[in-house]
Amino acid sequence: MVCDVGIRKLCLSLSRKILYKTLFPWYDRYMVKDIDQIVVLDKKNKLFISNAYNKQACIIRSGLNINDFQQGDRKKIRQKYNISHDETIILCVGLLSPHRRHEDVITGLTMLNDKGYRVKLIIVGGEFLNPGYSQTIRQHIKGLQVQDKVFLAGSVPESDLADYFAA
């Protein structure tokens, strides 16, 4: 029997797709049936779970516990970055990543300062996921000449976050 290699590859590809489309949904529903609780971030995903699995989901939003940040030292961070008590601080906490659009916050800070507001920006978050974006942010800061108003704190220990939020 002679078999064309292209036809064989096509048959294997179709077989995988058919298996995936038929077996995966069954396996997925089977694995979910014994789960006690499903947690999602928003209403959209709660509706998806309800429709896909006929199960209820609990919404737990990501965020912070404000009580954890009541004990922060307001002066510690202000002294570290030489920010006076009458200046406003904008704080961004999260990994430096293009989808967070830190450049827009930096541009906004420049606009506020141009209007006479005394504002400084501290960005807390690791730069390891996208070093190229970190370099873009540094160039943006330099291009707008706001090196004295924008501070990249990098990754900070969880125990220090309360001080940043209190500042």
Foldseek 3Di string as FASTA:
>chain_A
DDDDPVVVVVVVVVVVVVCCVPVVLVVVLVVPPPDPAAEDADPVVQVVCCVSRVDGHHHDHDDDDVVLQPPADQVPVCVVLVNDPQAAEDEAEEAQDVVVVVLVVVVVVLVCVVVPHRYAYEYEEADVVPVPSVVVSVVSCVVSVPPSRYHYPHYDDPNNVSNVVSD
